[in-house]
Amino acid sequence: MILSKVWRLVLVCSAFLAIDAPALARDWPETAGWDIVEGDDFCLMHMEYEGPGDSSLAIALYQDGRVLISDVNYGWSAEKEQIYPEVSFALNGESYTGAAVGVEILGKKGFAMKFGGEILADIAAAQAVRVYKGDTLIDRLSLGGSSSALAMTKRCLAAVRTAHADAERERKRWADLPKDPFAGETGSKAVSARGNPADWISNDDYPASALRNEEEGSVGVTFNINPRGRIENCTVTSSSGSRALDDATCRLLTSRGRYSPALGSDGNAIASTGSFRFQWSIHSK
């Protein structure tokens, strides 16, 4: 399934959220209208809403029991990494209040908050959530289908735990062998794509809003490649003139792009950078 609407926390939430994408993420089915996204140490459920500023809500579950909730909106002016001391989520008759940190995701600004797992029961039972900044109501969002989506997100997280356990067993199995006995000062290696980058995005991925508005154009981006070979911090350097096409390019590239990471002179994987360009054309669909 093409997650054409997925709001990728991978791109944004910096050290506060500590999110990185996995080396081999699985695709999970949309559940009750929610997108389900797998990360290296987490899974999240995500919904986009129509209304003032088109809010986006994401609820991320971590292996260690943390729950992170983020709410962003095109109309808000929250400052990235700014601490907002009194933000509340009111749902199912309960109020969860605490400090939030400002985030910005692909043009939308808002905040993210940490919670314990006790909030999940109220998320599953609630039909809507009201969001307050102090005493001011700032957002009102439906949670329809949240129980089914949360169950799927937990299945995703169980798969992440299994993958981590399998990887650790495999690591221990070969721990006595050197990674590369021939690596030395000349053991460095450049980053290389896994598969054909031309297959990562196609015109079949056309955003619905861009189709309606008959928007076309070429998008050029640069990005970081982390030591696991995943793309992060995608930045548009040459815009198509369409925000929908620019955003879709970064979302899809971050989701699908895979690299064999660069190796340093010691044979260990290191971060690097890359670039990509895609021509969106309605008539090529």
C-alpha atoms as a PDB file:
ATOM      1  CA  MET A   1       0.000   0.000   0.000  1.00  0.00           C
ATOM      2  CA  ILE A   2       1.222   3.495  -0.839  1.00  0.00           C
ATOM      3  CA  LEU A   3       1.076   5.670   2.275  1.00  0.00           C
ATOM      4  CA  SER A   4       0.534   8.835   0.282  1.00  0.00           C
ATOM      5  CA  LYS A   5      -0.665  10.813   3.311  1.00  0.00           C
ATOM      6  CA  VAL A   6       1.839   9.600   5.905  1.00  0.00           C
ATOM      7  CA  TRP A   7       3.275  12.336   8.076  1.00  0.00           C
ATOM      8  CA  ARG A   8       6.760  11.030   8.775  1.00  0.00           C
ATOM      9  CA  LEU A   9       7.985  11.859  12.254  1.00  0.00           C
ATOM     10  CA  VAL A  10      11.260  10.524  10.979  1.00  0.00           C
ATOM     11  CA  LEU A  11      11.876  13.861   9.291  1.00  0.00           C
ATOM     12  CA  VAL A  12      11.359  16.157  12.190  1.00  0.00           C
ATOM     13  CA  CYS A  13      11.224  15.584  15.840  1.00  0.00           C
ATOM     14  CA  SER A  14      14.984  15.720  16.518  1.00  0.00           C
ATOM     15  CA  ALA A  15      16.499  14.664  19.811  1.00  0.00           C
ATOM     16  CA  PHE A  16      13.273  15.097  21.787  1.00  0.00           C
ATOM     17  CA  LEU A  17      11.554  12.261  19.964  1.00  0.00           C
ATOM     18  CA  ALA A  18      14.767  10.385  19.083  1.00  0.00           C
ATOM     19  CA  ILE A  19      13.099   8.767  16.063  1.00  0.00           C
ATOM     20  CA  ASP A  20      15.045   6.983  13.344  1.00  0.00           C
ATOM     21  CA  ALA A  21      13.615   4.834  10.617  1.00  0.00           C
ATOM     22  CA  PRO A  22      14.485   1.125  10.561  1.00  0.00           C
ATOM     23  CA  ALA A  23      16.842  -0.535   8.141  1.00  0.00           C
ATOM     24  CA  LEU A  24      14.016  -2.781   6.901  1.00  0.00           C
ATOM     25  CA  ALA A  25      10.632  -1.275   7.734  1.00  0.00           C
ATOM     26  CA  ARG A  26       7.488  -3.235   6.887  1.00  0.00           C
ATOM     27  CA  ASP A  27       4.367  -1.742   5.366  1.00  0.00           C
ATOM     28  CA  TRP A  28       1.319  -1.928   7.625  1.00  0.00           C
ATOM     29  CA  PRO A  29      -2.288  -1.644   6.430  1.00  0.00           C
ATOM     30  CA  GLU A  30      -4.306   1.505   6.927  1.00  0.00           C
ATOM     31  CA  THR A  31      -6.649   0.735   9.814  1.00  0.00           C
ATOM     32  CA  ALA A  32      -9.964   2.513  10.405  1.00  0.00           C
ATOM     33  CA  GLY A  33      -8.662   5.501   8.454  1.00  0.00           C
ATOM     34  CA  TRP A  34      -5.354   5.706  10.373  1.00  0.00           C
ATOM     35  CA  ASP A  35      -1.951   5.230   8.759  1.00  0.00           C
ATOM     36  CA  ILE A  36       0.307   2.809  10.667  1.00  0.00           C
ATOM     37  CA  VAL A  37       4.061   3.506  10.410  1.00  0.00           C
ATOM     38  CA  GLU A  38       6.943   1.359  11.651  1.00  0.00           C
ATOM     39  CA  GLY A  39      10.202   2.828  12.958  1.00  0.00           C
ATOM     40  CA  ASP A  40      13.404   1.348  14.335  1.00  0.00           C
ATOM     41  CA  ASP A  41      12.288   1.466  17.970  1.00  0.00           C
ATOM     42  CA  PHE A  42       8.625   2.455  17.675  1.00  0.00           C
ATOM     43  CA  CYS A  43       5.387   2.222  15.741  1.00  0.00           C
ATOM     44  CA  LEU A  44       2.895   5.044  15.303  1.00  0.00           C
ATOM     45  CA  MET A  45      -0.666   5.704  14.169  1.00  0.00           C
ATOM     46  CA  HIS A  46      -1.290   8.874  12.195  1.00  0.00           C
ATOM     47  CA  MET A  47      -4.292  10.856  11.008  1.00  0.00           C
ATOM     48  CA  GLU A  48      -4.667  14.015   8.924  1.00  0.00           C
ATOM     49  CA  TYR A  49      -7.762  16.169   9.378  1.00  0.00           C
ATOM     50  CA  GLU A  50      -9.644  18.671   7.283  1.00  0.00           C
ATOM     51  CA  GLY A  51     -10.376  21.976   8.955  1.00  0.00           C
ATOM     52  CA  PRO A  52      -8.535  25.161   9.920  1.00  0.00           C
ATOM     53  CA  GLY A  53      -4.852  24.503   9.206  1.00  0.00           C
ATOM     54  CA  ASP A  54      -5.373  20.790   8.397  1.00  0.00           C
ATOM     55  CA  SER A  55      -4.096  19.357  11.691  1.00  0.00           C
ATOM     56  CA  SER A  56      -2.031  16.145  11.784  1.00  0.00           C
ATOM     57  CA  LEU A  57      -2.081  13.889  14.850  1.00  0.00           C
ATOM     58  CA  ALA A  58       0.461  11.122  15.496  1.00  0.00           C
ATOM     59  CA  ILE A  59       0.561   8.693  18.438  1.00  0.00           C
ATOM     60  CA  ALA A  60       3.853   6.785  18.733  1.00  0.00           C
ATOM     61  CA  LEU A  61       4.430   3.698  20.919  1.00  0.00           C
ATOM     62  CA  TYR A  62       7.990   2.795  21.942  1.00  0.00           C
ATOM     63  CA  GLN A  63       9.543  -0.498  23.048  1.00  0.00           C
ATOM     64  CA  ASP A  64      10.361   0.998  26.464  1.00  0.00           C
ATOM     65  CA  GLY A  65       6.710   1.926  27.131  1.00  0.00           C
ATOM     66  CA  ARG A  66       6.887   5.601  26.214  1.00  0.00           C
ATOM     67  CA  VAL A  67       4.005   7.152  24.308  1.00  0.00           C
ATOM     68  CA  LEU A  68       4.592  10.300  22.236  1.00  0.00           C
ATOM     69  CA  ILE A  69       1.735  12.377  20.881  1.00  0.00           C
ATOM     70  CA  SER A  70       2.281  15.129  18.339  1.00  0.00           C
ATOM     71  CA  ASP A  71      -0.204  17.646  16.946  1.00  0.00           C
ATOM     72  CA  VAL A  72       0.819  20.038  14.147  1.00  0.00           C
ATOM     73  CA  ASN A  73      -1.083  22.518  12.006  1.00  0.00           C
ATOM     74  CA  TYR A  74      -0.343  24.771   9.020  1.00  0.00           C
ATOM     75  CA  GLY A  75      -1.856  27.769  10.828  1.00  0.00           C
ATOM     76  CA  TRP A  76       0.168  27.579  14.048  1.00  0.00           C
ATOM     77  CA  SER A  77       3.394  29.468  14.831  1.00  0.00           C
ATOM     78  CA  ALA A  78       4.899  27.213  17.519  1.00  0.00           C
ATOM     79  CA  GLU A  79       8.695  27.498  17.598  1.00  0.00           C
ATOM     80  CA  LYS A  80      10.803  24.382  17.121  1.00  0.00           C
ATOM     81  CA  GLU A  81      12.317  23.153  20.431  1.00  0.00           C
ATOM     82  CA  GLN A  82      10.454  25.840  22.413  1.00  0.00           C
ATOM     83  CA  ILE A  83       9.035  24.466  25.675  1.00  0.00           C
ATOM     84  CA  TYR A  84       5.321  25.092  26.227  1.00  0.00           C
ATOM     85  CA  PRO A  85       4.750  24.391  29.933  1.00  0.00           C
ATOM     86  CA  GLU A  86       1.012  23.681  30.073  1.00  0.00           C
ATOM     87  CA  VAL A  87      -0.567  21.700  27.247  1.00  0.00           C
ATOM     88  CA  SER A  88      -3.453  19.302  27.887  1.00  0.00           C
ATOM     89  CA  PHE A  89      -5.172  16.441  26.108  1.00  0.00           C
ATOM     90  CA  ALA A  90      -8.745  15.907  27.311  1.00  0.00           C
ATOM     91  CA  LEU A  91     -10.180  12.540  26.310  1.00  0.00           C
ATOM     92  CA  ASN A  92     -12.597   9.996  27.726  1.00  0.00           C
ATOM     93  CA  GLY A  93     -13.264  12.185  30.769  1.00  0.00           C
ATOM     94  CA  GLU A  94      -9.586  12.424  31.691  1.00  0.00           C
ATOM     95  CA  SER A  95      -7.134  15.311  31.297  1.00  0.00           C
ATOM     96  CA  TYR A  96      -3.429  14.703  30.602  1.00  0.00           C
ATOM     97  CA  THR A  97      -1.396  17.849  31.196  1.00  0.00           C
ATOM     98  CA  GLY A  98       2.315  18.535  30.938  1.00  0.00           C
ATOM     99  CA  ALA A  99       5.107  20.343  29.137  1.00  0.00           C
ATOM    100  CA  ALA A 100       5.292  20.096  25.348  1.00  0.00           C
ATOM    101  CA  VAL A 101       8.128  20.850  22.955  1.00  0.00           C
ATOM    102  CA  GLY A 102       7.663  22.744  19.696  1.00  0.00           C
ATOM    103  CA  VAL A 103       8.185  20.835  16.437  1.00  0.00           C
ATOM    104  CA  GLU A 104       7.897  21.597  12.727  1.00  0.00           C
ATOM    105  CA  ILE A 105       6.994  18.956  10.150  1.00  0.00           C
ATOM    106  CA  LEU A 106       6.956  19.787   6.427  1.00  0.00           C
ATOM    107  CA  GLY A 107       5.531  23.251   6.942  1.00  0.00           C
ATOM    108  CA  LYS A 108       3.217  22.360   9.815  1.00  0.00           C
ATOM    109  CA  LYS A 109       4.080  23.608  13.302  1.00  0.00           C
ATOM    110  CA  GLY A 110       2.924  22.386  16.653  1.00  0.00           C
ATOM    111  CA  PHE A 111       4.150  20.333  19.595  1.00  0.00           C
ATOM    112  CA  ALA A 112       5.002  16.875  20.878  1.00  0.00           C
ATOM    113  CA  MET A 113       4.470  15.450  24.371  1.00  0.00           C
ATOM    114  CA  LYS A 114       5.668  12.354  26.245  1.00  0.00           C
ATOM    115  CA  PHE A 115       3.293  10.137  28.221  1.00  0.00           C
ATOM    116  CA  GLY A 116       3.275   6.799  29.977  1.00  0.00           C
ATOM    117  CA  GLY A 117       1.328   3.836  28.675  1.00  0.00           C
ATOM    118  CA  GLU A 118      -1.667   4.599  30.905  1.00  0.00           C
ATOM    119  CA  ILE A 119      -2.986   7.076  28.327  1.00  0.00           C
ATOM    120  CA  LEU A 120      -3.563   4.327  25.745  1.00  0.00           C
ATOM    121  CA  ALA A 121      -6.749   2.975  27.308  1.00  0.00           C
ATOM    122  CA  ASP A 122      -8.353   6.412  27.140  1.00  0.00           C
ATOM    123  CA  ILE A 123      -7.195   6.898  23.545  1.00  0.00           C
ATOM    124  CA  ALA A 124      -8.822   3.594  22.575  1.00  0.00           C
ATOM    125  CA  ALA A 125     -12.077   4.443  24.398  1.00  0.00           C
ATOM    126  CA  ALA A 126     -12.413   8.083  23.297  1.00  0.00           C
ATOM    127  CA  GLN A 127     -14.313   9.286  20.248  1.00  0.00           C
ATOM    128  CA  ALA A 128     -12.565  12.671  20.215  1.00  0.00           C
ATOM    129  CA  VAL A 129      -9.755  14.603  21.874  1.00  0.00           C
ATOM    130  CA  ARG A 130      -9.715  18.256  22.884  1.00  0.00           C
ATOM    131  CA  VAL A 131      -6.332  19.959  23.045  1.00  0.00           C
ATOM    132  CA  TYR A 132      -5.696  22.949  25.320  1.00  0.00           C
ATOM    133  CA  LYS A 133      -2.849  25.415  25.728  1.00  0.00           C
ATOM    134  CA  GLY A 134      -3.406  26.601  29.244  1.00  0.00           C
ATOM    135  CA  ASP A 135      -7.158  27.279  29.415  1.00  0.00           C
ATOM    136  CA  THR A 136      -7.486  27.917  25.674  1.00  0.00           C
ATOM    137  CA  LEU A 137      -8.964  25.221  23.444  1.00  0.00           C
ATOM    138  CA  ILE A 138      -6.637  25.001  20.413  1.00  0.00           C
ATOM    139  CA  ASP A 139      -7.734  21.823  18.634  1.00  0.00           C
ATOM    140  CA  ARG A 140     -10.641  19.387  18.524  1.00  0.00           C
ATOM    141  CA  LEU A 141      -9.997  16.110  16.689  1.00  0.00           C
ATOM    142  CA  SER A 142     -11.940  12.911  16.094  1.00  0.00           C
ATOM    143  CA  LEU A 143     -10.504   9.666  17.437  1.00  0.00           C
ATOM    144  CA  GLY A 144     -12.927   7.475  15.509  1.00  0.00           C
ATOM    145  CA  GLY A 145     -11.374   4.091  14.827  1.00  0.00           C
ATOM    146  CA  SER A 146      -8.600   4.683  17.370  1.00  0.00           C
ATOM    147  CA  SER A 147      -9.229   1.372  19.153  1.00  0.00           C
ATOM    148  CA  SER A 148      -8.668  -0.670  15.973  1.00  0.00           C
ATOM    149  CA  ALA A 149      -5.716   1.506  14.928  1.00  0.00           C
ATOM    150  CA  LEU A 150      -4.121   1.192  18.354  1.00  0.00           C
ATOM    151  CA  ALA A 151      -4.459  -2.598  18.210  1.00  0.00           C
ATOM    152  CA  MET A 152      -2.694  -2.620  14.818  1.00  0.00           C
ATOM    153  CA  THR A 153       0.015  -0.287  16.157  1.00  0.00           C
ATOM    154  CA  LYS A 154       0.633  -2.699  19.040  1.00  0.00           C
ATOM    155  CA  ARG A 155       0.934  -5.566  16.524  1.00  0.00           C
ATOM    156  CA  CYS A 156       3.485  -3.464  14.663  1.00  0.00           C
ATOM    157  CA  LEU A 157       5.416  -2.834  17.886  1.00  0.00           C
ATOM    158  CA  ALA A 158       5.433  -6.563  18.676  1.00  0.00           C
ATOM    159  CA  ALA A 159       6.996  -7.161  15.257  1.00  0.00           C
ATOM    160  CA  VAL A 160       9.626  -4.492  15.996  1.00  0.00           C
ATOM    161  CA  ARG A 161      10.490  -6.225  19.282  1.00  0.00           C
ATOM    162  CA  THR A 162      10.794  -9.555  17.494  1.00  0.00           C
ATOM    163  CA  ALA A 163      13.042  -8.036  14.821  1.00  0.00           C
ATOM    164  CA  HIS A 164      15.301  -6.509  17.478  1.00  0.00           C
ATOM    165  CA  ALA A 165      15.532  -9.808  19.341  1.00  0.00           C
ATOM    166  CA  ASP A 166      16.352 -11.691  16.121  1.00  0.00           C
ATOM    167  CA  ALA A 167      19.005  -9.120  15.197  1.00  0.00           C
ATOM    168  CA  GLU A 168      20.604  -9.367  18.638  1.00  0.00           C
ATOM    169  CA  ARG A 169      20.732 -13.176  18.447  1.00  0.00           C
ATOM    170  CA  GLU A 170      22.325 -12.931  15.019  1.00  0.00           C
ATOM    171  CA  ARG A 171      24.849 -10.374  16.273  1.00  0.00           C
ATOM    172  CA  LYS A 172      25.867 -12.611  19.167  1.00  0.00           C
ATOM    173  CA  ARG A 173      26.148 -15.580  16.825  1.00  0.00           C
ATOM    174  CA  TRP A 174      28.895 -13.889  14.838  1.00  0.00           C
ATOM    175  CA  ALA A 175      30.309 -11.593  17.536  1.00  0.00           C
ATOM    176  CA  ASP A 176      33.654 -13.451  17.611  1.00  0.00           C
ATOM    177  CA  LEU A 177      34.348 -12.695  13.922  1.00  0.00           C
ATOM    178  CA  PRO A 178      35.821  -9.375  12.727  1.00  0.00           C
ATOM    179  CA  LYS A 179      33.554  -7.259  10.548  1.00  0.00           C
ATOM    180  CA  ASP A 180      36.256  -6.999   7.886  1.00  0.00           C
ATOM    181  CA  PRO A 181      39.687  -8.516   8.586  1.00  0.00           C
ATOM    182  CA  PHE A 182      41.118  -6.617   5.609  1.00  0.00           C
ATOM    183  CA  ALA A 183      39.896  -3.188   6.639  1.00  0.00           C
ATOM    184  CA  GLY A 184      42.574  -0.669   7.447  1.00  0.00           C
ATOM    185  CA  GLU A 185      43.460   2.798   6.333  1.00  0.00           C
ATOM    186  CA  THR A 186      42.236   1.872   2.858  1.00  0.00           C
ATOM    187  CA  GLY A 187      39.084   0.180   4.156  1.00  0.00           C
ATOM    188  CA  SER A 188      36.752   3.118   3.546  1.00  0.00           C
ATOM    189  CA  LYS A 189      33.774   2.644   1.229  1.00  0.00           C
ATOM    190  CA  ALA A 190      31.364   5.092  -0.402  1.00  0.00           C
ATOM    191  CA  VAL A 191      27.623   4.947   0.169  1.00  0.00           C
ATOM    192  CA  SER A 192      25.611   3.045  -2.459  1.00  0.00           C
ATOM    193  CA  ALA A 193      21.902   2.670  -3.136  1.00  0.00           C
ATOM    194  CA  ARG A 194      20.137  -0.617  -2.465  1.00  0.00           C
ATOM    195  CA  GLY A 195      18.179  -1.376  -5.599  1.00  0.00           C
ATOM    196  CA  ASN A 196      17.297   1.173  -8.259  1.00  0.00           C
ATOM    197  CA  PRO A 197      16.514   4.688  -6.934  1.00  0.00           C
ATOM    198  CA  ALA A 198      14.312   5.202 -10.013  1.00  0.00           C
ATOM    199  CA  ASP A 199      11.884   2.688  -8.482  1.00  0.00           C
ATOM    200  CA  TRP A 200      11.494   4.576  -5.186  1.00  0.00           C
ATOM    201  CA  ILE A 201       8.939   7.084  -6.525  1.00  0.00           C
ATOM    202  CA  SER A 202       6.628   6.907  -9.526  1.00  0.00           C
ATOM    203  CA  ASN A 203       3.785   8.960 -10.952  1.00  0.00           C
ATOM    204  CA  ASP A 204       1.445   6.347  -9.483  1.00  0.00           C
ATOM    205  CA  ASP A 205       2.187   8.101  -6.179  1.00  0.00           C
ATOM    206  CA  TYR A 206       0.640  11.376  -7.371  1.00  0.00           C
ATOM    207  CA  PRO A 207      -0.886  13.325  -4.439  1.00  0.00           C
ATOM    208  CA  ALA A 208      -4.644  13.691  -4.881  1.00  0.00           C
ATOM    209  CA  SER A 209      -4.569  17.466  -4.356  1.00  0.00           C
ATOM    210  CA  ALA A 210      -1.883  17.891  -7.029  1.00  0.00           C
ATOM    211  CA  LEU A 211      -3.953  15.845  -9.470  1.00  0.00           C
ATOM    212  CA  ARG A 212      -7.011  17.968  -8.812  1.00  0.00           C
ATOM    213  CA  ASN A 213      -5.014  21.153  -9.372  1.00  0.00           C
ATOM    214  CA  GLU A 214      -3.155  19.676 -12.380  1.00  0.00           C
ATOM    215  CA  GLU A 215       0.211  20.457 -10.781  1.00  0.00           C
ATOM    216  CA  GLU A 216       3.409  19.159 -12.390  1.00  0.00           C
ATOM    217  CA  GLY A 217       7.116  19.829 -12.032  1.00  0.00           C
ATOM    218  CA  SER A 218      10.572  18.617 -11.115  1.00  0.00           C
ATOM    219  CA  VAL A 219      11.608  18.341  -7.459  1.00  0.00           C
ATOM    220  CA  GLY A 220      15.252  18.276  -6.382  1.00  0.00           C
ATOM    221  CA  VAL A 221      16.179  17.290  -2.827  1.00  0.00           C
ATOM    222  CA  THR A 222      19.201  16.656  -0.653  1.00  0.00           C
ATOM    223  CA  PHE A 223      19.231  14.466   2.445  1.00  0.00           C
ATOM    224  CA  ASN A 224      21.325  12.778   5.106  1.00  0.00           C
ATOM    225  CA  ILE A 225      21.976   9.033   5.069  1.00  0.00           C
ATOM    226  CA  ASN A 226      22.364   7.654   8.578  1.00  0.00           C
ATOM    227  CA  PRO A 227      24.723   4.786   9.501  1.00  0.00           C
ATOM    228  CA  ARG A 228      21.857   2.311   9.056  1.00  0.00           C
ATOM    229  CA  GLY A 229      21.457   3.417   5.447  1.00  0.00           C
ATOM    230  CA  ARG A 230      18.153   5.228   5.959  1.00  0.00           C
ATOM    231  CA  ILE A 231      17.301   8.664   4.590  1.00  0.00           C
ATOM    232  CA  GLU A 232      16.531  11.489   7.001  1.00  0.00           C
ATOM    233  CA  ASN A 233      16.359  15.304   7.036  1.00  0.00           C
ATOM    234  CA  CYS A 234      15.159  15.499   3.439  1.00  0.00           C
ATOM    235  CA  THR A 235      15.283  19.108   2.182  1.00  0.00           C
ATOM    236  CA  VAL A 236      13.829  20.484  -1.048  1.00  0.00           C
ATOM    237  CA  THR A 237      16.566  22.383  -2.924  1.00  0.00           C
ATOM    238  CA  SER A 238      14.703  22.835  -6.203  1.00  0.00           C
ATOM    239  CA  SER A 239      10.930  23.200  -5.870  1.00  0.00           C
ATOM    240  CA  SER A 240       8.360  22.059  -8.400  1.00  0.00           C
ATOM    241  CA  GLY A 241       6.234  25.051  -7.417  1.00  0.00           C
ATOM    242  CA  SER A 242       3.748  22.698  -5.729  1.00  0.00           C
ATOM    243  CA  ARG A 243       3.971  22.123  -1.994  1.00  0.00           C
ATOM    244  CA  ALA A 244       2.037  18.847  -2.374  1.00  0.00           C
ATOM    245  CA  LEU A 245       4.564  17.487  -4.891  1.00  0.00           C
ATOM    246  CA  ASP A 246       7.561  18.741  -2.894  1.00  0.00           C
ATOM    247  CA  ASP A 247       6.221  17.198   0.334  1.00  0.00           C
ATOM    248  CA  ALA A 248       5.329  13.909  -1.360  1.00  0.00           C
ATOM    249  CA  THR A 249       8.846  13.591  -2.773  1.00  0.00           C
ATOM    250  CA  CYS A 250      10.443  13.839   0.682  1.00  0.00           C
ATOM    251  CA  ARG A 251       7.832  11.598   2.331  1.00  0.00           C
ATOM    252  CA  LEU A 252       8.158   8.818  -0.215  1.00  0.00           C
ATOM    253  CA  LEU A 253      11.921   9.061  -0.506  1.00  0.00           C
ATOM    254  CA  THR A 254      12.334   8.882   3.273  1.00  0.00           C
ATOM    255  CA  SER A 255       9.954   5.914   3.451  1.00  0.00           C
ATOM    256  CA  ARG A 256      11.397   3.866   0.578  1.00  0.00           C
ATOM    257  CA  GLY A 257      14.986   4.909   0.007  1.00  0.00           C
ATOM    258  CA  ARG A 258      17.588   2.419   1.242  1.00  0.00           C
ATOM    259  CA  TYR A 259      21.390   2.620   1.074  1.00  0.00           C
ATOM    260  CA  SER A 260      24.335   0.500   1.997  1.00  0.00           C
ATOM    261  CA  PRO A 261      25.948   3.055   4.324  1.00  0.00           C
ATOM    262  CA  ALA A 262      29.362   4.550   3.790  1.00  0.00           C
ATOM    263  CA  LEU A 263      32.202   2.947   5.757  1.00  0.00           C
ATOM    264  CA  GLY A 264      34.987   4.830   7.478  1.00  0.00           C
ATOM    265  CA  SER A 265      38.614   3.821   7.466  1.00  0.00           C
ATOM    266  CA  ASP A 266      37.933   1.653  10.540  1.00  0.00           C
ATOM    267  CA  GLY A 267      35.275  -0.326   8.659  1.00  0.00           C
ATOM    268  CA  ASN A 268      32.384   1.093  10.701  1.00  0.00           C
ATOM    269  CA  ALA A 269      29.291   2.597   9.076  1.00  0.00           C
ATOM    270  CA  ILE A 270      29.211   6.394   9.005  1.00  0.00           C
ATOM    271  CA  ALA A 271      26.697   9.076   8.057  1.00  0.00           C
ATOM    272  CA  SER A 272      26.795  10.639   4.597  1.00  0.00           C
ATOM    273  CA  THR A 273      24.672  12.771   2.281  1.00  0.00           C
ATOM    274  CA  GLY A 274      22.828  12.257  -0.983  1.00  0.00           C
ATOM    275  CA  SER A 275      20.628  13.962  -3.546  1.00  0.00           C
ATOM    276  CA  PHE A 276      17.669  12.996  -5.719  1.00  0.00           C
ATOM    277  CA  ARG A 277      15.465  14.509  -8.415  1.00  0.00           C
ATOM    278  CA  PHE A 278      12.027  13.418  -9.631  1.00  0.00           C
ATOM    279  CA  GLN A 279       9.813  14.733 -12.440  1.00  0.00           C
ATOM    280  CA  TRP A 280       6.111  14.660 -11.571  1.00  0.00           C
ATOM    281  CA  SER A 281       4.013  14.449 -14.740  1.00  0.00           C
ATOM    282  CA  ILE A 282       0.276  13.853 -14.886  1.00  0.00           C
ATOM    283  CA  HIS A 283       0.454  12.656 -18.466  1.00  0.00           C
ATOM    284  CA  SER A 284       2.997   9.962 -17.538  1.00  0.00           C
ATOM    285  CA  LYS A 285       0.595   8.284 -15.096  1.00  0.00           C
END
